[in-house]
N, C-alpha and C. Protein backbone atom coordinates (compact mmCIF):
# COMPACT_ATOMS: atom_id res chain seq x y z
N MET A 1 38.54 -8.34 17.02
CA MET A 1 39.67 -7.47 16.67
C MET A 1 39.94 -6.41 17.73
N LEU A 2 38.87 -5.96 18.40
CA LEU A 2 39.01 -4.84 19.32
C LEU A 2 40.02 -5.09 20.44
N PRO A 3 40.05 -6.30 21.07
CA PRO A 3 41.04 -6.50 22.13
C PRO A 3 42.49 -6.28 21.68
N ALA A 4 42.81 -6.66 20.45
CA ALA A 4 44.17 -6.46 19.96
C ALA A 4 44.50 -4.98 19.79
N PHE A 5 43.49 -4.19 19.42
CA PHE A 5 43.71 -2.75 19.25
C PHE A 5 43.59 -1.98 20.56
N ALA A 6 43.12 -2.63 21.62
CA ALA A 6 42.87 -1.93 22.88
C ALA A 6 44.10 -1.21 23.44
N PRO A 7 45.29 -1.85 23.48
CA PRO A 7 46.46 -1.10 24.00
C PRO A 7 46.74 0.18 23.22
N TYR A 8 46.59 0.12 21.90
CA TYR A 8 46.80 1.32 21.08
C TYR A 8 45.78 2.39 21.43
N LEU A 9 44.53 2.00 21.59
CA LEU A 9 43.48 2.96 21.90
C LEU A 9 43.68 3.59 23.28
N VAL A 10 44.07 2.77 24.26
CA VAL A 10 44.26 3.27 25.62
C VAL A 10 45.43 4.25 25.67
N VAL A 11 46.56 3.89 25.06
CA VAL A 11 47.73 4.76 25.10
C VAL A 11 47.48 6.01 24.25
N SER A 12 46.70 5.89 23.18
CA SER A 12 46.34 7.08 22.39
C SER A 12 45.57 8.07 23.25
N ALA A 13 44.56 7.57 23.99
CA ALA A 13 43.79 8.45 24.87
C ALA A 13 44.67 9.06 25.95
N LEU A 14 45.55 8.24 26.52
CA LEU A 14 46.46 8.74 27.55
C LEU A 14 47.37 9.82 27.00
N HIS A 15 47.89 9.61 25.80
CA HIS A 15 48.78 10.60 25.19
C HIS A 15 48.07 11.93 24.98
N LEU A 16 46.83 11.89 24.53
CA LEU A 16 46.09 13.12 24.31
C LEU A 16 45.82 13.86 25.61
N VAL A 17 45.55 13.13 26.68
CA VAL A 17 45.34 13.75 27.99
C VAL A 17 46.65 14.36 28.50
N LEU A 18 47.74 13.63 28.33
CA LEU A 18 49.03 14.10 28.83
C LEU A 18 49.51 15.35 28.11
N GLN A 19 49.02 15.59 26.91
CA GLN A 19 49.37 16.83 26.23
C GLN A 19 48.96 18.06 27.05
N TYR A 20 47.95 17.89 27.90
CA TYR A 20 47.46 19.01 28.70
C TYR A 20 47.91 18.96 30.16
N VAL A 21 48.07 17.74 30.71
CA VAL A 21 48.32 17.65 32.15
C VAL A 21 49.66 17.02 32.50
N GLY A 22 50.32 16.40 31.54
CA GLY A 22 51.53 15.65 31.88
C GLY A 22 52.81 16.43 31.63
N PRO A 23 53.91 16.00 32.24
CA PRO A 23 55.21 16.60 31.92
C PRO A 23 55.61 16.24 30.49
N ALA A 24 56.55 17.01 29.94
CA ALA A 24 56.94 16.83 28.54
C ALA A 24 57.46 15.43 28.27
N TRP A 25 58.21 14.85 29.23
CA TRP A 25 58.79 13.53 28.99
C TRP A 25 57.70 12.47 28.82
N SER A 26 56.56 12.64 29.53
CA SER A 26 55.49 11.65 29.42
C SER A 26 54.80 11.72 28.06
N VAL A 27 54.71 12.93 27.50
CA VAL A 27 54.13 13.08 26.16
C VAL A 27 55.01 12.39 25.14
N THR A 28 56.33 12.62 25.25
CA THR A 28 57.28 11.99 24.32
C THR A 28 57.27 10.47 24.48
N ALA A 29 57.22 10.00 25.72
CA ALA A 29 57.26 8.56 25.97
C ALA A 29 56.03 7.86 25.40
N THR A 30 54.86 8.42 25.64
CA THR A 30 53.65 7.77 25.13
C THR A 30 53.60 7.85 23.61
N LYS A 31 54.08 8.94 23.04
CA LYS A 31 54.10 9.07 21.58
C LYS A 31 54.96 7.99 20.95
N SER A 32 56.09 7.68 21.59
CA SER A 32 57.00 6.67 21.04
C SER A 32 56.43 5.26 21.13
N LEU A 33 55.41 5.05 21.97
CA LEU A 33 54.80 3.73 22.13
C LEU A 33 53.66 3.47 21.14
N LEU A 34 53.11 4.52 20.56
CA LEU A 34 51.86 4.40 19.81
C LEU A 34 51.98 3.49 18.59
N MET A 35 52.92 3.75 17.71
CA MET A 35 53.03 2.95 16.50
C MET A 35 53.47 1.51 16.79
N PRO A 36 54.40 1.26 17.75
CA PRO A 36 54.68 -0.14 18.10
C PRO A 36 53.45 -0.89 18.58
N LEU A 37 52.57 -0.24 19.34
CA LEU A 37 51.35 -0.91 19.80
C LEU A 37 50.39 -1.18 18.64
N LEU A 38 50.34 -0.27 17.68
CA LEU A 38 49.52 -0.51 16.50
C LEU A 38 50.08 -1.66 15.68
N ALA A 39 51.42 -1.70 15.56
CA ALA A 39 52.05 -2.80 14.84
C ALA A 39 51.79 -4.13 15.53
N LEU A 40 51.77 -4.12 16.86
CA LEU A 40 51.47 -5.35 17.61
C LEU A 40 50.08 -5.87 17.27
N ALA A 41 49.11 -4.98 17.17
CA ALA A 41 47.75 -5.39 16.81
C ALA A 41 47.74 -6.04 15.43
N VAL A 42 48.48 -5.46 14.50
CA VAL A 42 48.54 -6.02 13.15
C VAL A 42 49.17 -7.41 13.17
N VAL A 43 50.26 -7.56 13.91
CA VAL A 43 50.94 -8.86 13.99
C VAL A 43 50.00 -9.92 14.58
N LEU A 44 49.23 -9.54 15.59
CA LEU A 44 48.33 -10.50 16.24
C LEU A 44 47.16 -10.90 15.34
N LEU A 45 46.72 -9.99 14.48
CA LEU A 45 45.49 -10.22 13.74
C LEU A 45 45.69 -10.62 12.28
N ALA A 46 46.79 -10.19 11.69
CA ALA A 46 46.97 -10.38 10.24
C ALA A 46 47.95 -11.50 9.94
N ARG A 47 47.78 -12.62 10.60
CA ARG A 47 48.69 -13.74 10.36
C ARG A 47 48.29 -14.49 9.10
N PRO A 48 49.28 -15.05 8.36
CA PRO A 48 50.72 -14.91 8.58
C PRO A 48 51.22 -13.56 8.07
N VAL A 49 52.10 -12.93 8.83
CA VAL A 49 52.57 -11.60 8.46
C VAL A 49 53.58 -11.65 7.32
N ARG A 50 53.93 -12.85 6.85
CA ARG A 50 54.87 -12.95 5.74
C ARG A 50 54.24 -12.53 4.42
N ARG A 51 52.93 -12.43 4.37
CA ARG A 51 52.27 -11.99 3.15
C ARG A 51 52.59 -10.52 2.86
N ALA A 52 52.44 -10.15 1.59
CA ALA A 52 52.84 -8.81 1.17
C ALA A 52 52.06 -7.72 1.89
N ALA A 53 50.74 -7.87 1.97
CA ALA A 53 49.92 -6.80 2.54
C ALA A 53 50.24 -6.52 4.01
N PRO A 54 50.30 -7.54 4.89
CA PRO A 54 50.69 -7.24 6.27
C PRO A 54 52.08 -6.62 6.38
N LEU A 55 53.02 -7.07 5.56
CA LEU A 55 54.36 -6.50 5.61
C LEU A 55 54.36 -5.04 5.17
N LEU A 56 53.57 -4.72 4.15
CA LEU A 56 53.47 -3.33 3.71
C LEU A 56 52.82 -2.46 4.79
N LEU A 57 51.76 -2.97 5.41
CA LEU A 57 51.12 -2.23 6.49
C LEU A 57 52.09 -1.98 7.63
N LEU A 58 52.83 -3.00 8.01
CA LEU A 58 53.82 -2.84 9.07
C LEU A 58 54.93 -1.88 8.65
N GLY A 59 55.30 -1.90 7.37
CA GLY A 59 56.31 -0.96 6.89
C GLY A 59 55.83 0.48 6.99
N GLY A 60 54.57 0.73 6.61
CA GLY A 60 54.03 2.08 6.74
C GLY A 60 53.98 2.54 8.18
N ILE A 61 53.61 1.63 9.08
CA ILE A 61 53.57 1.96 10.50
C ILE A 61 54.98 2.24 11.02
N ALA A 62 55.96 1.44 10.56
CA ALA A 62 57.35 1.62 11.02
C ALA A 62 57.91 2.97 10.57
N PHE A 63 57.69 3.34 9.31
CA PHE A 63 58.17 4.65 8.85
C PHE A 63 57.44 5.79 9.58
N SER A 64 56.17 5.58 9.90
CA SER A 64 55.44 6.59 10.66
C SER A 64 56.02 6.74 12.06
N TRP A 65 56.39 5.61 12.67
CA TRP A 65 57.03 5.67 13.98
C TRP A 65 58.35 6.45 13.90
N GLY A 66 59.11 6.22 12.82
CA GLY A 66 60.34 6.99 12.64
C GLY A 66 60.05 8.47 12.55
N GLY A 67 58.99 8.85 11.83
CA GLY A 67 58.62 10.25 11.75
C GLY A 67 58.20 10.82 13.09
N ASP A 68 57.45 10.03 13.87
CA ASP A 68 57.04 10.47 15.21
C ASP A 68 58.25 10.80 16.07
N VAL A 69 59.23 9.91 16.06
CA VAL A 69 60.42 10.09 16.90
C VAL A 69 61.24 11.28 16.42
N LEU A 70 61.48 11.37 15.12
CA LEU A 70 62.32 12.44 14.59
C LEU A 70 61.72 13.82 14.80
N LEU A 71 60.39 13.90 14.74
CA LEU A 71 59.75 15.21 14.91
C LEU A 71 59.71 15.68 16.36
N THR A 72 60.14 14.83 17.30
CA THR A 72 60.21 15.28 18.68
C THR A 72 61.45 16.15 18.93
N PHE A 73 62.41 16.13 18.00
CA PHE A 73 63.62 16.94 18.16
C PHE A 73 63.43 18.29 17.48
N PRO A 74 63.94 19.36 18.08
CA PRO A 74 63.78 20.69 17.48
C PRO A 74 64.75 20.91 16.33
N GLY A 75 64.38 21.84 15.44
CA GLY A 75 65.28 22.22 14.35
C GLY A 75 64.78 21.76 13.00
N ASP A 76 65.16 22.52 11.95
CA ASP A 76 64.73 22.21 10.60
C ASP A 76 65.28 20.88 10.10
N GLY A 77 66.50 20.54 10.52
CA GLY A 77 67.09 19.28 10.07
C GLY A 77 66.29 18.08 10.53
N TRP A 78 65.90 18.08 11.80
CA TRP A 78 65.09 16.98 12.32
C TRP A 78 63.70 16.98 11.69
N PHE A 79 63.17 18.18 11.45
CA PHE A 79 61.86 18.26 10.80
C PHE A 79 61.93 17.66 9.40
N ALA A 80 62.98 17.98 8.64
CA ALA A 80 63.14 17.43 7.30
C ALA A 80 63.28 15.91 7.34
N ALA A 81 64.01 15.41 8.34
CA ALA A 81 64.17 13.95 8.46
C ALA A 81 62.84 13.29 8.80
N GLY A 82 62.08 13.90 9.70
CA GLY A 82 60.76 13.37 10.02
C GLY A 82 59.83 13.40 8.82
N LEU A 83 59.90 14.48 8.05
CA LEU A 83 59.09 14.60 6.84
C LEU A 83 59.44 13.49 5.85
N ALA A 84 60.74 13.21 5.71
CA ALA A 84 61.17 12.15 4.80
C ALA A 84 60.66 10.79 5.25
N SER A 85 60.66 10.55 6.56
CA SER A 85 60.18 9.27 7.07
C SER A 85 58.68 9.11 6.82
N PHE A 86 57.92 10.17 7.02
CA PHE A 86 56.49 10.10 6.74
C PHE A 86 56.22 10.01 5.23
N LEU A 87 57.08 10.64 4.43
CA LEU A 87 56.95 10.51 2.98
C LEU A 87 57.07 9.04 2.57
N LEU A 88 58.06 8.35 3.13
CA LEU A 88 58.21 6.93 2.84
C LEU A 88 57.01 6.12 3.33
N ALA A 89 56.46 6.51 4.48
CA ALA A 89 55.26 5.82 4.98
C ALA A 89 54.11 5.95 3.98
N HIS A 90 53.92 7.14 3.43
CA HIS A 90 52.84 7.34 2.47
C HIS A 90 53.08 6.56 1.18
N VAL A 91 54.33 6.48 0.75
CA VAL A 91 54.64 5.70 -0.45
C VAL A 91 54.29 4.23 -0.21
N VAL A 92 54.64 3.72 0.97
CA VAL A 92 54.31 2.33 1.30
C VAL A 92 52.80 2.12 1.35
N TYR A 93 52.08 3.06 1.94
CA TYR A 93 50.62 2.96 2.00
C TYR A 93 50.01 2.98 0.59
N ILE A 94 50.56 3.80 -0.30
CA ILE A 94 50.07 3.84 -1.68
C ILE A 94 50.20 2.47 -2.33
N VAL A 95 51.38 1.87 -2.19
CA VAL A 95 51.59 0.54 -2.76
C VAL A 95 50.62 -0.47 -2.14
N LEU A 96 50.45 -0.39 -0.83
CA LEU A 96 49.52 -1.30 -0.14
C LEU A 96 48.11 -1.15 -0.67
N PHE A 97 47.63 0.09 -0.80
CA PHE A 97 46.25 0.31 -1.23
C PHE A 97 46.03 -0.13 -2.68
N LEU A 98 47.07 -0.04 -3.51
CA LEU A 98 46.95 -0.49 -4.89
C LEU A 98 46.98 -2.01 -5.02
N ARG A 99 47.61 -2.68 -4.06
CA ARG A 99 47.68 -4.14 -4.09
C ARG A 99 46.44 -4.80 -3.52
N LEU A 100 45.82 -4.16 -2.55
CA LEU A 100 44.63 -4.74 -1.95
C LEU A 100 43.46 -4.74 -2.92
N PRO A 101 42.58 -5.73 -2.85
CA PRO A 101 41.35 -5.67 -3.64
C PRO A 101 40.56 -4.41 -3.26
N ARG A 102 40.10 -3.70 -4.29
CA ARG A 102 39.47 -2.41 -4.05
C ARG A 102 37.97 -2.47 -4.26
N ALA A 103 37.27 -1.58 -3.60
CA ALA A 103 35.82 -1.50 -3.75
C ALA A 103 35.43 -0.92 -5.11
N ARG A 104 36.31 -0.09 -5.68
CA ARG A 104 36.06 0.49 -6.99
C ARG A 104 37.37 0.58 -7.76
N ARG A 105 37.29 0.52 -9.08
CA ARG A 105 38.50 0.51 -9.89
C ARG A 105 39.10 1.90 -10.04
N ARG A 106 38.29 2.94 -9.92
CA ARG A 106 38.77 4.30 -10.08
C ARG A 106 38.41 5.12 -8.85
N PRO A 107 39.16 6.18 -8.59
CA PRO A 107 38.82 7.04 -7.44
C PRO A 107 37.44 7.65 -7.61
N PRO A 108 36.68 7.76 -6.51
CA PRO A 108 35.38 8.42 -6.60
C PRO A 108 35.54 9.90 -6.92
N VAL A 109 34.50 10.49 -7.47
CA VAL A 109 34.57 11.89 -7.88
C VAL A 109 34.96 12.79 -6.72
N TRP A 110 34.41 12.50 -5.52
CA TRP A 110 34.68 13.38 -4.38
C TRP A 110 36.15 13.43 -4.02
N SER A 111 36.92 12.38 -4.37
CA SER A 111 38.33 12.33 -3.98
C SER A 111 39.18 13.38 -4.67
N TYR A 112 38.67 13.96 -5.77
CA TYR A 112 39.46 14.98 -6.47
C TYR A 112 39.58 16.26 -5.67
N VAL A 113 38.81 16.36 -4.59
CA VAL A 113 38.99 17.51 -3.70
C VAL A 113 40.38 17.49 -3.07
N TYR A 114 40.99 16.30 -2.97
CA TYR A 114 42.34 16.23 -2.42
C TYR A 114 43.33 17.01 -3.27
N TRP A 115 43.13 17.02 -4.59
CA TRP A 115 44.08 17.73 -5.44
C TRP A 115 43.84 19.23 -5.41
N ALA A 116 42.61 19.64 -5.20
CA ALA A 116 42.37 21.06 -4.93
C ALA A 116 43.04 21.46 -3.63
N TRP A 117 42.98 20.54 -2.64
CA TRP A 117 43.66 20.79 -1.36
C TRP A 117 45.17 20.91 -1.56
N VAL A 118 45.77 20.04 -2.37
CA VAL A 118 47.22 20.10 -2.62
C VAL A 118 47.59 21.47 -3.19
N VAL A 119 46.86 21.92 -4.19
CA VAL A 119 47.16 23.22 -4.80
C VAL A 119 47.01 24.35 -3.79
N ALA A 120 45.93 24.33 -3.01
CA ALA A 120 45.68 25.40 -2.04
C ALA A 120 46.74 25.43 -0.96
N MET A 121 47.12 24.25 -0.44
CA MET A 121 48.12 24.20 0.62
C MET A 121 49.47 24.67 0.12
N LEU A 122 49.85 24.24 -1.07
CA LEU A 122 51.15 24.68 -1.60
C LEU A 122 51.17 26.18 -1.84
N ALA A 123 50.05 26.73 -2.29
CA ALA A 123 49.98 28.18 -2.49
C ALA A 123 50.16 28.93 -1.17
N LEU A 124 49.63 28.35 -0.08
CA LEU A 124 49.76 28.98 1.23
C LEU A 124 51.16 28.82 1.81
N LEU A 125 51.75 27.65 1.64
CA LEU A 125 52.96 27.32 2.38
C LEU A 125 54.26 27.65 1.66
N LEU A 126 54.30 27.50 0.35
CA LEU A 126 55.58 27.64 -0.36
C LEU A 126 56.23 29.01 -0.19
N PRO A 127 55.47 30.11 -0.13
CA PRO A 127 56.14 31.40 0.07
C PRO A 127 56.91 31.48 1.40
N HIS A 128 56.61 30.58 2.34
CA HIS A 128 57.26 30.62 3.66
C HIS A 128 58.11 29.38 3.93
N ALA A 129 58.29 28.53 2.92
CA ALA A 129 58.93 27.23 3.16
C ALA A 129 60.44 27.29 3.11
N GLY A 130 61.02 28.27 2.42
CA GLY A 130 62.47 28.38 2.34
C GLY A 130 63.11 27.14 1.73
N MET A 131 64.12 26.59 2.42
CA MET A 131 64.87 25.44 1.93
C MET A 131 64.03 24.16 1.88
N LEU A 132 62.89 24.15 2.55
CA LEU A 132 62.05 22.96 2.60
C LEU A 132 60.99 22.94 1.50
N ALA A 133 61.08 23.86 0.54
CA ALA A 133 60.05 23.97 -0.49
C ALA A 133 59.91 22.67 -1.29
N VAL A 134 61.02 22.12 -1.76
CA VAL A 134 60.95 20.89 -2.57
C VAL A 134 60.41 19.72 -1.76
N PRO A 135 60.93 19.46 -0.53
CA PRO A 135 60.34 18.38 0.25
C PRO A 135 58.85 18.56 0.51
N ILE A 136 58.40 19.78 0.70
CA ILE A 136 56.98 20.01 0.96
C ILE A 136 56.14 19.68 -0.28
N VAL A 137 56.63 20.05 -1.46
CA VAL A 137 55.91 19.71 -2.69
C VAL A 137 55.79 18.20 -2.84
N LEU A 138 56.91 17.50 -2.64
CA LEU A 138 56.90 16.04 -2.76
C LEU A 138 55.96 15.41 -1.75
N TYR A 139 55.98 15.94 -0.54
CA TYR A 139 55.14 15.38 0.51
C TYR A 139 53.66 15.62 0.22
N ALA A 140 53.32 16.82 -0.25
CA ALA A 140 51.92 17.13 -0.56
C ALA A 140 51.40 16.22 -1.66
N ILE A 141 52.22 15.97 -2.68
CA ILE A 141 51.80 15.07 -3.76
C ILE A 141 51.61 13.65 -3.22
N ALA A 142 52.55 13.21 -2.37
CA ALA A 142 52.47 11.85 -1.83
C ALA A 142 51.22 11.65 -0.98
N ILE A 143 50.91 12.61 -0.12
CA ILE A 143 49.73 12.41 0.73
C ILE A 143 48.44 12.55 -0.08
N GLY A 144 48.47 13.39 -1.11
CA GLY A 144 47.31 13.46 -2.00
C GLY A 144 47.07 12.14 -2.70
N LEU A 145 48.14 11.50 -3.18
CA LEU A 145 48.02 10.19 -3.82
C LEU A 145 47.56 9.14 -2.82
N MET A 146 48.13 9.17 -1.62
CA MET A 146 47.74 8.19 -0.60
C MET A 146 46.25 8.29 -0.29
N ALA A 147 45.75 9.51 -0.08
CA ALA A 147 44.34 9.68 0.25
C ALA A 147 43.45 9.29 -0.92
N THR A 148 43.89 9.58 -2.14
CA THR A 148 43.11 9.20 -3.32
C THR A 148 43.04 7.68 -3.45
N CYS A 149 44.17 7.00 -3.25
CA CYS A 149 44.17 5.54 -3.30
C CYS A 149 43.32 4.95 -2.18
N ALA A 150 43.36 5.55 -1.00
CA ALA A 150 42.54 5.08 0.11
C ALA A 150 41.05 5.22 -0.22
N SER A 151 40.70 6.27 -0.97
CA SER A 151 39.29 6.50 -1.28
C SER A 151 38.69 5.38 -2.13
N MET A 152 39.52 4.65 -2.87
CA MET A 152 39.00 3.57 -3.72
C MET A 152 38.57 2.36 -2.90
N HIS A 153 38.95 2.32 -1.63
CA HIS A 153 38.55 1.21 -0.77
C HIS A 153 37.28 1.53 0.00
N GLY A 154 36.96 2.81 0.15
CA GLY A 154 35.79 3.17 0.93
C GLY A 154 35.96 2.81 2.40
N GLY A 155 34.91 3.01 3.17
CA GLY A 155 34.88 2.58 4.57
C GLY A 155 36.00 3.16 5.42
N TRP A 156 36.53 2.30 6.30
CA TRP A 156 37.52 2.75 7.29
C TRP A 156 38.79 3.25 6.64
N ILE A 157 39.24 2.60 5.57
CA ILE A 157 40.49 3.01 4.94
C ILE A 157 40.36 4.40 4.33
N ALA A 158 39.27 4.65 3.64
CA ALA A 158 39.05 5.99 3.06
C ALA A 158 38.98 7.05 4.15
N LEU A 159 38.29 6.73 5.26
CA LEU A 159 38.19 7.69 6.36
C LEU A 159 39.56 7.93 6.99
N GLY A 160 40.37 6.88 7.10
CA GLY A 160 41.71 7.06 7.62
C GLY A 160 42.55 7.96 6.74
N GLY A 161 42.46 7.79 5.43
CA GLY A 161 43.19 8.69 4.52
C GLY A 161 42.76 10.13 4.69
N ALA A 162 41.46 10.37 4.86
CA ALA A 162 40.96 11.73 5.04
C ALA A 162 41.48 12.34 6.34
N PHE A 163 41.48 11.56 7.42
CA PHE A 163 42.00 12.07 8.69
C PHE A 163 43.49 12.40 8.58
N PHE A 164 44.23 11.62 7.80
CA PHE A 164 45.66 11.90 7.62
C PHE A 164 45.84 13.27 6.95
N VAL A 165 45.02 13.57 5.97
CA VAL A 165 45.10 14.86 5.29
C VAL A 165 44.82 16.00 6.27
N VAL A 166 43.81 15.83 7.11
CA VAL A 166 43.49 16.86 8.11
C VAL A 166 44.66 17.06 9.06
N SER A 167 45.20 15.98 9.57
CA SER A 167 46.29 16.07 10.54
C SER A 167 47.50 16.79 9.95
N ASP A 168 47.92 16.37 8.76
CA ASP A 168 49.11 16.97 8.16
C ASP A 168 48.87 18.41 7.74
N SER A 169 47.64 18.74 7.37
CA SER A 169 47.33 20.12 7.01
C SER A 169 47.47 21.04 8.22
N VAL A 170 46.90 20.64 9.34
CA VAL A 170 46.99 21.46 10.55
C VAL A 170 48.44 21.57 11.02
N LEU A 171 49.17 20.46 10.95
CA LEU A 171 50.59 20.49 11.32
C LEU A 171 51.37 21.46 10.44
N ALA A 172 51.15 21.40 9.13
CA ALA A 172 51.89 22.26 8.21
C ALA A 172 51.54 23.73 8.40
N LEU A 173 50.27 24.03 8.63
CA LEU A 173 49.88 25.42 8.86
C LEU A 173 50.56 25.97 10.11
N GLY A 174 50.60 25.17 11.17
CA GLY A 174 51.25 25.61 12.39
C GLY A 174 52.74 25.80 12.24
N ARG A 175 53.34 25.02 11.36
CA ARG A 175 54.79 25.08 11.18
C ARG A 175 55.22 26.24 10.29
N PHE A 176 54.44 26.54 9.24
CA PHE A 176 54.95 27.45 8.21
C PHE A 176 54.14 28.74 8.02
N LEU A 177 52.88 28.77 8.39
CA LEU A 177 52.05 29.94 8.07
C LEU A 177 52.19 31.02 9.13
N PRO A 178 52.73 32.18 8.80
CA PRO A 178 52.87 33.26 9.78
C PRO A 178 51.52 33.73 10.30
N GLY A 179 51.47 34.02 11.59
CA GLY A 179 50.24 34.51 12.20
C GLY A 179 49.22 33.45 12.52
N TYR A 180 49.55 32.20 12.23
CA TYR A 180 48.60 31.11 12.51
C TYR A 180 48.55 30.88 14.02
N GLU A 181 47.36 30.89 14.57
CA GLU A 181 47.16 30.62 15.99
C GLU A 181 45.94 29.74 16.17
N PHE A 182 46.11 28.67 16.92
CA PHE A 182 45.02 27.73 17.15
C PHE A 182 45.30 27.03 18.47
N ALA A 183 44.48 27.33 19.47
CA ALA A 183 44.78 26.85 20.83
C ALA A 183 44.84 25.33 20.91
N ALA A 184 44.00 24.65 20.16
CA ALA A 184 43.96 23.18 20.23
C ALA A 184 44.80 22.53 19.14
N HIS A 185 45.80 23.25 18.64
CA HIS A 185 46.61 22.78 17.51
C HIS A 185 47.16 21.38 17.75
N ASP A 186 47.91 21.19 18.84
CA ASP A 186 48.56 19.90 19.09
C ASP A 186 47.54 18.77 19.25
N PHE A 187 46.44 19.08 19.93
CA PHE A 187 45.42 18.06 20.13
C PHE A 187 44.80 17.63 18.80
N VAL A 188 44.49 18.59 17.94
CA VAL A 188 43.88 18.26 16.65
C VAL A 188 44.86 17.47 15.79
N VAL A 189 46.12 17.89 15.76
CA VAL A 189 47.12 17.17 14.96
C VAL A 189 47.21 15.71 15.41
N MET A 190 47.35 15.49 16.70
CA MET A 190 47.57 14.11 17.18
C MET A 190 46.29 13.29 17.16
N SER A 191 45.15 13.88 17.50
CA SER A 191 43.92 13.09 17.53
C SER A 191 43.55 12.62 16.13
N THR A 192 43.68 13.49 15.13
CA THR A 192 43.36 13.08 13.76
C THR A 192 44.42 12.12 13.21
N TYR A 193 45.67 12.32 13.60
CA TYR A 193 46.73 11.40 13.16
C TYR A 193 46.52 10.01 13.73
N LEU A 194 46.21 9.92 15.02
CA LEU A 194 45.98 8.62 15.65
C LEU A 194 44.74 7.94 15.08
N ALA A 195 43.70 8.73 14.80
CA ALA A 195 42.52 8.16 14.15
C ALA A 195 42.87 7.64 12.76
N ALA A 196 43.68 8.40 12.01
CA ALA A 196 44.07 7.98 10.66
C ALA A 196 44.81 6.65 10.68
N GLN A 197 45.82 6.56 11.52
CA GLN A 197 46.62 5.33 11.56
C GLN A 197 45.77 4.15 12.03
N GLY A 198 44.96 4.37 13.06
CA GLY A 198 44.13 3.29 13.58
C GLY A 198 43.10 2.81 12.58
N LEU A 199 42.45 3.74 11.87
CA LEU A 199 41.43 3.37 10.90
C LEU A 199 42.02 2.65 9.70
N ILE A 200 43.18 3.11 9.24
CA ILE A 200 43.85 2.42 8.12
C ILE A 200 44.21 1.00 8.52
N ALA A 201 44.82 0.85 9.69
CA ALA A 201 45.21 -0.50 10.14
C ALA A 201 43.99 -1.38 10.33
N TRP A 202 42.95 -0.84 10.95
CA TRP A 202 41.71 -1.61 11.18
C TRP A 202 41.10 -2.05 9.84
N GLY A 203 41.02 -1.11 8.89
CA GLY A 203 40.41 -1.43 7.60
C GLY A 203 41.19 -2.46 6.82
N VAL A 204 42.52 -2.35 6.83
CA VAL A 204 43.34 -3.32 6.10
C VAL A 204 43.25 -4.69 6.75
N VAL A 205 43.36 -4.73 8.07
CA VAL A 205 43.28 -6.02 8.78
C VAL A 205 41.92 -6.68 8.55
N ALA A 206 40.86 -5.88 8.56
CA ALA A 206 39.53 -6.43 8.31
C ALA A 206 39.45 -7.06 6.92
N LYS A 207 40.05 -6.42 5.92
CA LYS A 207 40.07 -6.98 4.57
C LYS A 207 40.83 -8.30 4.55
N LEU A 208 41.97 -8.33 5.22
CA LEU A 208 42.78 -9.54 5.23
C LEU A 208 42.06 -10.67 5.93
N ARG A 209 41.38 -10.36 7.02
CA ARG A 209 40.68 -11.41 7.77
C ARG A 209 39.41 -11.87 7.08
N ALA A 210 38.94 -11.08 6.13
CA ALA A 210 37.78 -11.50 5.37
C ALA A 210 38.11 -12.62 4.39
N GLY A 211 39.41 -12.89 4.23
CA GLY A 211 39.83 -14.02 3.42
C GLY A 211 40.08 -13.71 1.96
N ARG A 212 40.04 -12.41 1.60
CA ARG A 212 40.32 -12.06 0.21
C ARG A 212 41.81 -11.99 0.01
N PRO A 213 42.34 -12.47 -1.13
CA PRO A 213 43.79 -12.51 -1.34
C PRO A 213 44.37 -11.11 -1.34
N ALA A 214 45.28 -10.84 -0.38
CA ALA A 214 45.80 -9.48 -0.20
C ALA A 214 46.72 -9.06 -1.32
N SER A 215 47.37 -10.02 -1.99
CA SER A 215 48.36 -9.65 -2.99
C SER A 215 47.78 -9.51 -4.38
N ALA A 216 46.50 -9.90 -4.56
CA ALA A 216 45.93 -9.86 -5.90
C ALA A 216 45.39 -8.49 -6.22
N PRO A 217 45.72 -7.92 -7.40
CA PRO A 217 45.15 -6.63 -7.77
C PRO A 217 43.66 -6.77 -7.99
N SER A 218 42.95 -5.65 -7.78
CA SER A 218 41.51 -5.74 -7.99
C SER A 218 41.22 -5.87 -9.46
N SER A 219 40.23 -6.67 -9.78
CA SER A 219 39.85 -6.88 -11.17
C SER A 219 38.38 -7.23 -11.21
N PRO A 220 37.74 -7.01 -12.35
CA PRO A 220 36.32 -7.34 -12.42
C PRO A 220 36.11 -8.83 -12.24
N ALA A 221 34.97 -9.19 -11.65
CA ALA A 221 34.67 -10.60 -11.48
C ALA A 221 34.47 -11.25 -12.83
N PRO A 222 34.93 -12.50 -13.02
CA PRO A 222 34.76 -13.16 -14.31
C PRO A 222 33.27 -13.31 -14.65
N ALA A 223 32.98 -13.19 -15.92
CA ALA A 223 31.60 -13.31 -16.37
C ALA A 223 31.09 -14.72 -16.16
N ARG A 224 29.85 -14.86 -15.72
CA ARG A 224 29.25 -16.17 -15.52
C ARG A 224 28.27 -16.46 -16.65
N PRO A 225 28.10 -17.71 -16.99
CA PRO A 225 27.10 -18.03 -18.02
C PRO A 225 25.73 -17.52 -17.62
N ALA A 226 24.99 -17.04 -18.57
CA ALA A 226 23.65 -16.49 -18.27
C ALA A 226 22.74 -17.60 -17.81
N ASP A 227 21.93 -17.31 -16.81
CA ASP A 227 20.94 -18.27 -16.31
C ASP A 227 19.77 -18.32 -17.29
N ALA A 228 19.41 -19.53 -17.70
CA ALA A 228 18.33 -19.66 -18.69
C ALA A 228 17.01 -19.15 -18.16
N THR A 229 16.88 -19.07 -16.84
CA THR A 229 15.60 -18.62 -16.26
C THR A 229 15.61 -17.14 -15.93
N ALA A 230 16.77 -16.49 -16.16
CA ALA A 230 16.86 -15.07 -15.80
C ALA A 230 15.99 -14.25 -16.74
N ARG A 231 15.44 -13.15 -16.21
CA ARG A 231 14.58 -12.28 -17.04
C ARG A 231 15.32 -11.00 -17.40
């Protein structure tokens, strides 16, 4: 699987370096390539892509790419449009995670920290959100649900959901919280975002390649007749 993901990994590293040493156009150019390269890895590895799970994964990546592009433009209008595109990406990921066979039927106890995070972030941000208050509430709920659904899969997918929460939290604090200063802000936002997308894609593709039916909801294994020799 690694060779298919290599272009995404290389351009991700290049993009992070260019944030410090490159001209602005190179940062924008590499950012616009990231999600298409991730989608290419999915297309190469998750054949046939006509199945529901690969299509949902590609849909989430496509909406994320739309958010990446829209957020490169200045102004609240473009920010709201980018937020809407990422909101749709999270909705698609939620559907994907609920359709995939899961490691557990219910979210683990630790995942409820995401809802404490939702409450804390909204308490911090809403007094400064202005006209974007409603979109921010919807977005916070969506990413909380996405991360909670990811936690039921464990492994790479759960870790990807957690990195997404970190990335969006740092981004939101930088955008709305007065007096917020963090020298490595852009690097942290993008590095955790790229890790999130890559880990989610890797985890989903690994599940699909393991041969488990991607469209079947998770359910308990059927009971087997008891072995007469069992103790």
